């Protein structure tokens, strides 16, 4: 993936049914690279997912409400 230097990026997970454990690790590396180049990254929509188990890099599954 190539993002121009100094860009501000928003990643929206609100429509994702599942986010696997490799995604947060990869996005953290991209976020760090962007920050080093004067940019930023914001992750949105993960509030509607639950972590399995409960740590920052775990797989997240979309919560369902009945």
PDB file of N, CA and C in Angstrom:
ATOM      1  N   UNK A   1       0.843  -1.170   0.000  1.00  0.00           N
ATOM      2  CA  UNK A   1       0.000   0.000   0.000  1.00  0.00           C
ATOM      3  C   UNK A   1       0.883   1.226   0.000  1.00  0.00           C
ATOM      4  N   UNK A   2       0.508   2.209  -0.776  1.00  0.00           N
ATOM      5  CA  UNK A   2       1.272   3.433  -0.837  1.00  0.00           C
ATOM      6  C   UNK A   2       0.368   4.608  -0.477  1.00  0.00           C
ATOM      7  N   UNK A   3       0.786   5.353   0.522  1.00  0.00           N
ATOM      8  CA  UNK A   3       0.059   6.549   0.946  1.00  0.00           C
ATOM      9  C   UNK A   3       1.039   7.709   0.850  1.00  0.00           C
ATOM     10  N   UNK A   4       0.685   8.778   0.149  1.00  0.00           N
ATOM     11  CA  UNK A   4       1.602   9.905   0.025  1.00  0.00           C
ATOM     12  C   UNK A   4       1.992  10.495   1.384  1.00  0.00           C
ATOM     13  N   UNK A   5       3.235  10.987   1.467  1.00  0.00           N
ATOM     14  CA  UNK A   5       3.739  11.577   2.708  1.00  0.00           C
ATOM     15  C   UNK A   5       2.831  12.706   3.172  1.00  0.00           C
ATOM     16  N   UNK A   6       2.628  12.786   4.475  1.00  0.00           N
ATOM     17  CA  UNK A   6       1.871  13.874   5.075  1.00  0.00           C
ATOM     18  C   UNK A   6       0.360  13.722   5.000  1.00  0.00           C
ATOM     19  N   UNK A   7      -0.144  12.616   4.488  1.00  0.00           N
ATOM     20  CA  UNK A   7      -1.593  12.414   4.374  1.00  0.00           C
ATOM     21  C   UNK A   7      -2.214  12.083   5.720  1.00  0.00           C
ATOM     22  N   UNK A   8      -3.474  12.423   5.850  1.00  0.00           N
ATOM     23  CA  UNK A   8      -4.284  12.041   7.000  1.00  0.00           C
ATOM     24  C   UNK A   8      -5.279  10.997   6.514  1.00  0.00           C
ATOM     25  N   UNK A   9      -5.259   9.824   7.136  1.00  0.00           N
ATOM     26  CA  UNK A   9      -6.039   8.682   6.676  1.00  0.00           C
ATOM     27  C   UNK A   9      -7.037   8.276   7.752  1.00  0.00           C
ATOM     28  N   UNK A  10      -8.267   7.968   7.343  1.00  0.00           N
ATOM     29  CA  UNK A  10      -9.272   7.405   8.238  1.00  0.00           C
ATOM     30  C   UNK A  10      -9.638   6.019   7.735  1.00  0.00           C
ATOM     31  N   UNK A  11      -9.559   5.027   8.624  1.00  0.00           N
ATOM     32  CA  UNK A  11      -9.949   3.657   8.295  1.00  0.00           C
ATOM     33  C   UNK A  11     -11.228   3.373   9.065  1.00  0.00           C
ATOM     34  N   UNK A  12     -12.311   3.061   8.332  1.00  0.00           N
ATOM     35  CA  UNK A  12     -13.627   2.862   8.944  1.00  0.00           C
ATOM     36  C   UNK A  12     -13.986   1.377   8.921  1.00  0.00           C
ATOM     37  N   UNK A  13     -14.102   0.787  10.115  1.00  0.00           N
ATOM     38  CA  UNK A  13     -14.427  -0.633  10.257  1.00  0.00           C
ATOM     39  C   UNK A  13     -15.909  -0.870  10.543  1.00  0.00           C
ATOM     40  N   UNK A  14     -16.731   0.146  10.481  1.00  0.00           N
ATOM     41  CA  UNK A  14     -18.115   0.012  10.934  1.00  0.00           C
ATOM     42  C   UNK A  14     -18.923  -1.019  10.141  1.00  0.00           C
ATOM     43  N   UNK A  15     -18.563  -1.296   8.905  1.00  0.00           N
ATOM     44  CA  UNK A  15     -19.292  -2.297   8.113  1.00  0.00           C
ATOM     45  C   UNK A  15     -18.600  -3.652   8.082  1.00  0.00           C
ATOM     46  N   UNK A  16     -17.454  -3.775   8.739  1.00  0.00           N
ATOM     47  CA  UNK A  16     -16.730  -5.049   8.761  1.00  0.00           C
ATOM     48  C   UNK A  16     -17.375  -6.006   9.756  1.00  0.00           C
ATOM     49  N   UNK A  17     -17.567  -7.249   9.350  1.00  0.00           N
ATOM     50  CA  UNK A  17     -18.127  -8.249  10.256  1.00  0.00           C
ATOM     51  C   UNK A  17     -17.062  -8.813  11.176  1.00  0.00           C
ATOM     52  N   UNK A  18     -15.794  -8.855  10.687  1.00  0.00           N
ATOM     53  CA  UNK A  18     -14.703  -9.372  11.497  1.00  0.00           C
ATOM     54  C   UNK A  18     -13.419  -8.663  11.096  1.00  0.00           C
ATOM     55  N   UNK A  19     -12.575  -8.410  12.076  1.00  0.00           N
ATOM     56  CA  UNK A  19     -11.244  -7.842  11.849  1.00  0.00           C
ATOM     57  C   UNK A  19     -10.264  -8.803  12.507  1.00  0.00           C
ATOM     58  N   UNK A  20      -9.411  -9.468  11.701  1.00  0.00           N
ATOM     59  CA  UNK A  20      -8.521 -10.474  12.287  1.00  0.00           C
ATOM     60  C   UNK A  20      -7.348  -9.832  13.023  1.00  0.00           C
ATOM     61  N   UNK A  21      -6.601 -10.667  13.743  1.00  0.00           N
ATOM     62  CA  UNK A  21      -5.560 -10.169  14.641  1.00  0.00           C
ATOM     63  C   UNK A  21      -4.387  -9.533  13.904  1.00  0.00           C
ATOM     64  N   UNK A  22      -4.204  -9.803  12.621  1.00  0.00           N
ATOM     65  CA  UNK A  22      -3.089  -9.197  11.892  1.00  0.00           C
ATOM     66  C   UNK A  22      -3.375  -7.756  11.487  1.00  0.00           C
ATOM     67  N   UNK A  23      -4.649  -7.395  11.396  1.00  0.00           N
ATOM     68  CA  UNK A  23      -5.020  -6.055  10.941  1.00  0.00           C
ATOM     69  C   UNK A  23      -4.541  -4.962  11.889  1.00  0.00           C
ATOM     70  N   UNK A  24      -4.805  -5.040  13.206  1.00  0.00           N
ATOM     71  CA  UNK A  24      -4.314  -3.979  14.089  1.00  0.00           C
ATOM     72  C   UNK A  24      -2.789  -3.844  14.078  1.00  0.00           C
ATOM     73  N   UNK A  25      -2.079  -4.962  13.969  1.00  0.00           N
ATOM     74  CA  UNK A  25      -0.618  -4.917  13.927  1.00  0.00           C
ATOM     75  C   UNK A  25      -0.138  -4.200  12.667  1.00  0.00           C
ATOM     76  N   UNK A  26      -0.735  -4.527  11.535  1.00  0.00           N
ATOM     77  CA  UNK A  26      -0.368  -3.905  10.262  1.00  0.00           C
ATOM     78  C   UNK A  26      -0.714  -2.420  10.270  1.00  0.00           C
ATOM     79  N   UNK A  27      -1.914  -2.086  10.753  1.00  0.00           N
ATOM     80  CA  UNK A  27      -2.323  -0.683  10.787  1.00  0.00           C
ATOM     81  C   UNK A  27      -1.466   0.143  11.732  1.00  0.00           C
ATOM     82  N   UNK A  28      -0.998  -0.456  12.831  1.00  0.00           N
ATOM     83  CA  UNK A  28      -0.122   0.268  13.742  1.00  0.00           C
ATOM     84  C   UNK A  28       1.188   0.623  13.048  1.00  0.00           C
ATOM     85  N   UNK A  29       1.734  -0.309  12.269  1.00  0.00           N
ATOM     86  CA  UNK A  29       2.969  -0.041  11.527  1.00  0.00           C
ATOM     87  C   UNK A  29       2.755   1.076  10.502  1.00  0.00           C
ATOM     88  N   UNK A  30       1.631   1.031   9.791  1.00  0.00           N
ATOM     89  CA  UNK A  30       1.317   2.077   8.813  1.00  0.00           C
ATOM     90  C   UNK A  30       1.124   3.417   9.517  1.00  0.00           C
ATOM     91  N   UNK A  31       0.418   3.410  10.654  1.00  0.00           N
ATOM     92  CA  UNK A  31       0.180   4.631  11.418  1.00  0.00           C
ATOM     93  C   UNK A  31       1.505   5.249  11.880  1.00  0.00           C
ATOM     94  N   UNK A  32       2.420   4.410  12.364  1.00  0.00           N
ATOM     95  CA  UNK A  32       3.728   4.899  12.801  1.00  0.00           C
ATOM     96  C   UNK A  32       4.501   5.505  11.629  1.00  0.00           C
ATOM     97  N   UNK A  33       4.466   4.841  10.469  1.00  0.00           N
ATOM     98  CA  UNK A  33       5.145   5.371   9.285  1.00  0.00           C
ATOM     99  C   UNK A  33       4.550   6.705   8.852  1.00  0.00           C
ATOM    100  N   UNK A  34       3.222   6.794   8.858  1.00  0.00           N
ATOM    101  CA  UNK A  34       2.571   8.054   8.497  1.00  0.00           C
ATOM    102  C   UNK A  34       2.969   9.171   9.451  1.00  0.00           C
ATOM    103  N   UNK A  35       2.996   8.863  10.742  1.00  0.00           N
ATOM    104  CA  UNK A  35       3.359   9.869  11.743  1.00  0.00           C
ATOM    105  C   UNK A  35       4.789  10.353  11.526  1.00  0.00           C
ATOM    106  N   UNK A  36       5.686   9.444  11.165  1.00  0.00           N
ATOM    107  CA  UNK A  36       7.074   9.821  10.899  1.00  0.00           C
ATOM    108  C   UNK A  36       7.206  10.727   9.681  1.00  0.00           C
ATOM    109  N   UNK A  37       6.212  10.667   8.794  1.00  0.00           N
ATOM    110  CA  UNK A  37       6.226  11.471   7.566  1.00  0.00           C
ATOM    111  C   UNK A  37       5.310  12.691   7.659  1.00  0.00           C
ATOM    112  N   UNK A  38       4.804  12.979   8.880  1.00  0.00           N
ATOM    113  CA  UNK A  38       3.962  14.155   9.065  1.00  0.00           C
ATOM    114  C   UNK A  38       2.485  13.921   8.843  1.00  0.00           C
ATOM    115  N   UNK A  39       2.077  12.684   8.677  1.00  0.00           N
ATOM    116  CA  UNK A  39       0.668  12.365   8.478  1.00  0.00           C
ATOM    117  C   UNK A  39       0.058  11.752   9.720  1.00  0.00           C
ATOM    118  N   UNK A  40      -1.158  11.234   9.569  1.00  0.00           N
ATOM    119  CA  UNK A  40      -1.833  10.598  10.699  1.00  0.00           C
ATOM    120  C   UNK A  40      -2.821   9.558  10.197  1.00  0.00           C
ATOM    121  N   UNK A  41      -3.228   8.681  11.106  1.00  0.00           N
ATOM    122  CA  UNK A  41      -4.243   7.680  10.798  1.00  0.00           C
ATOM    123  C   UNK A  41      -5.188   7.562  11.984  1.00  0.00           C
ATOM    124  N   UNK A  42      -6.472   7.519  11.676  1.00  0.00           N
ATOM    125  CA  UNK A  42      -7.502   7.339  12.687  1.00  0.00           C
ATOM    126  C   UNK A  42      -8.297   6.093  12.308  1.00  0.00           C
ATOM    127  N   UNK A  43      -8.514   5.209  13.276  1.00  0.00           N
ATOM    128  CA  UNK A  43      -9.346   4.028  13.068  1.00  0.00           C
ATOM    129  C   UNK A  43     -10.711   4.280  13.696  1.00  0.00           C
ATOM    130  N   UNK A  44     -11.766   4.081  12.916  1.00  0.00           N
ATOM    131  CA  UNK A  44     -13.131   4.285  13.401  1.00  0.00           C
ATOM    132  C   UNK A  44     -13.929   3.002  13.253  1.00  0.00           C
ATOM    133  N   UNK A  45     -15.008   2.895  14.015  1.00  0.00           N
ATOM    134  CA  UNK A  45     -15.947   1.799  13.868  1.00  0.00           C
ATOM    135  C   UNK A  45     -15.636   0.548  14.664  1.00  0.00           C
ATOM    136  N   UNK A  46     -14.495   0.495  15.352  1.00  0.00           N
ATOM    137  CA  UNK A  46     -14.189  -0.698  16.141  1.00  0.00           C
ATOM    138  C   UNK A  46     -14.998  -0.763  17.432  1.00  0.00           C
ATOM    139  N   UNK A  47     -15.647   0.328  17.808  1.00  0.00           N
ATOM    140  CA  UNK A  47     -16.487   0.318  19.014  1.00  0.00           C
ATOM    141  C   UNK A  47     -17.665  -0.643  18.869  1.00  0.00           C
ATOM    142  N   UNK A  48     -18.001  -0.979  17.611  1.00  0.00           N
ATOM    143  CA  UNK A  48     -19.124  -1.899  17.388  1.00  0.00           C
ATOM    144  C   UNK A  48     -18.664  -3.354  17.274  1.00  0.00           C
ATOM    145  N   UNK A  49     -17.407  -3.613  17.625  1.00  0.00           N
ATOM    146  CA  UNK A  49     -16.841  -4.958  17.597  1.00  0.00           C
ATOM    147  C   UNK A  49     -16.362  -5.338  18.996  1.00  0.00           C
ATOM    148  N   UNK A  50     -16.339  -6.633  19.251  1.00  0.00           N
ATOM    149  CA  UNK A  50     -15.791  -7.085  20.534  1.00  0.00           C
ATOM    150  C   UNK A  50     -14.509  -7.860  20.268  1.00  0.00           C
ATOM    151  N   UNK A  51     -13.544  -7.656  21.148  1.00  0.00           N
ATOM    152  CA  UNK A  51     -12.253  -8.317  21.004  1.00  0.00           C
ATOM    153  C   UNK A  51     -12.306  -9.720  21.588  1.00  0.00           C
ATOM    154  N   UNK A  52     -11.625 -10.654  20.945  1.00  0.00           N
ATOM    155  CA  UNK A  52     -11.586 -12.037  21.400  1.00  0.00           C
ATOM    156  C   UNK A  52     -10.143 -12.516  21.382  1.00  0.00           C
ATOM    157  N   UNK A  53      -9.387 -12.643  22.407  1.00  0.00           N
ATOM    158  CA  UNK A  53      -9.595 -12.161  23.773  1.00  0.00           C
ATOM    159  C   UNK A  53      -9.469 -10.637  23.833  1.00  0.00           C
ATOM    160  N   UNK A  54      -9.518 -10.106  25.008  1.00  0.00           N
ATOM    161  CA  UNK A  54      -9.624  -8.658  25.185  1.00  0.00           C
ATOM    162  C   UNK A  54      -8.270  -7.959  25.236  1.00  0.00           C
ATOM    163  N   UNK A  55      -7.604  -7.864  24.100  1.00  0.00           N
ATOM    164  CA  UNK A  55      -6.415  -7.021  24.040  1.00  0.00           C
ATOM    165  C   UNK A  55      -6.398  -6.275  22.702  1.00  0.00           C
ATOM    166  N   UNK A  56      -5.502  -5.330  22.583  1.00  0.00           N
ATOM    167  CA  UNK A  56      -5.496  -4.408  21.446  1.00  0.00           C
ATOM    168  C   UNK A  56      -5.333  -5.095  20.093  1.00  0.00           C
ATOM    169  N   UNK A  57      -4.610  -6.205  20.051  1.00  0.00           N
ATOM    170  CA  UNK A  57      -4.326  -6.853  18.765  1.00  0.00           C
ATOM    171  C   UNK A  57      -5.129  -8.124  18.534  1.00  0.00           C
ATOM    172  N   UNK A  58      -6.205  -8.362  19.277  1.00  0.00           N
ATOM    173  CA  UNK A  58      -6.982  -9.578  19.077  1.00  0.00           C
ATOM    174  C   UNK A  58      -7.967  -9.441  17.925  1.00  0.00           C
ATOM    175  N   UNK A  59      -8.430 -10.608  17.457  1.00  0.00           N
ATOM    176  CA  UNK A  59      -9.490 -10.633  16.461  1.00  0.00           C
ATOM    177  C   UNK A  59     -10.709  -9.948  17.038  1.00  0.00           C
ATOM    178  N   UNK A  60     -11.408  -9.196  16.197  1.00  0.00           N
ATOM    179  CA  UNK A  60     -12.617  -8.498  16.637  1.00  0.00           C
ATOM    180  C   UNK A  60     -13.793  -8.926  15.772  1.00  0.00           C
ATOM    181  N   UNK A  61     -14.903  -9.203  16.438  1.00  0.00           N
ATOM    182  CA  UNK A  61     -16.106  -9.658  15.745  1.00  0.00           C
ATOM    183  C   UNK A  61     -17.205  -8.640  15.995  1.00  0.00           C
ATOM    184  N   UNK A  62     -17.948  -8.321  14.933  1.00  0.00           N
ATOM    185  CA  UNK A  62     -19.034  -7.352  15.030  1.00  0.00           C
ATOM    186  C   UNK A  62     -20.057  -7.822  16.041  1.00  0.00           C
ATOM    187  N   UNK A  63     -20.446  -6.932  16.935  1.00  0.00           N
ATOM    188  CA  UNK A  63     -21.476  -7.245  17.929  1.00  0.00           C
ATOM    189  C   UNK A  63     -22.813  -7.324  17.228  1.00  0.00           C
ATOM    190  N   UNK A  64     -23.634  -8.280  17.659  1.00  0.00           N
ATOM    191  CA  UNK A  64     -24.986  -8.375  17.118  1.00  0.00           C
ATOM    192  C   UNK A  64     -25.964  -8.110  18.246  1.00  0.00           C
ATOM    193  N   UNK A  65     -26.988  -7.403  17.930  1.00  0.00           N
ATOM    194  CA  UNK A  65     -27.993  -7.053  18.920  1.00  0.00           C
ATOM    195  C   UNK A  65     -29.314  -7.678  18.513  1.00  0.00           C
ATOM    196  N   UNK A  66     -29.967  -8.349  19.449  1.00  0.00           N
ATOM    197  CA  UNK A  66     -31.264  -8.978  19.176  1.00  0.00           C
ATOM    198  C   UNK A  66     -32.374  -8.166  19.771  1.00  0.00           C
TER     199      UNK A  66
END
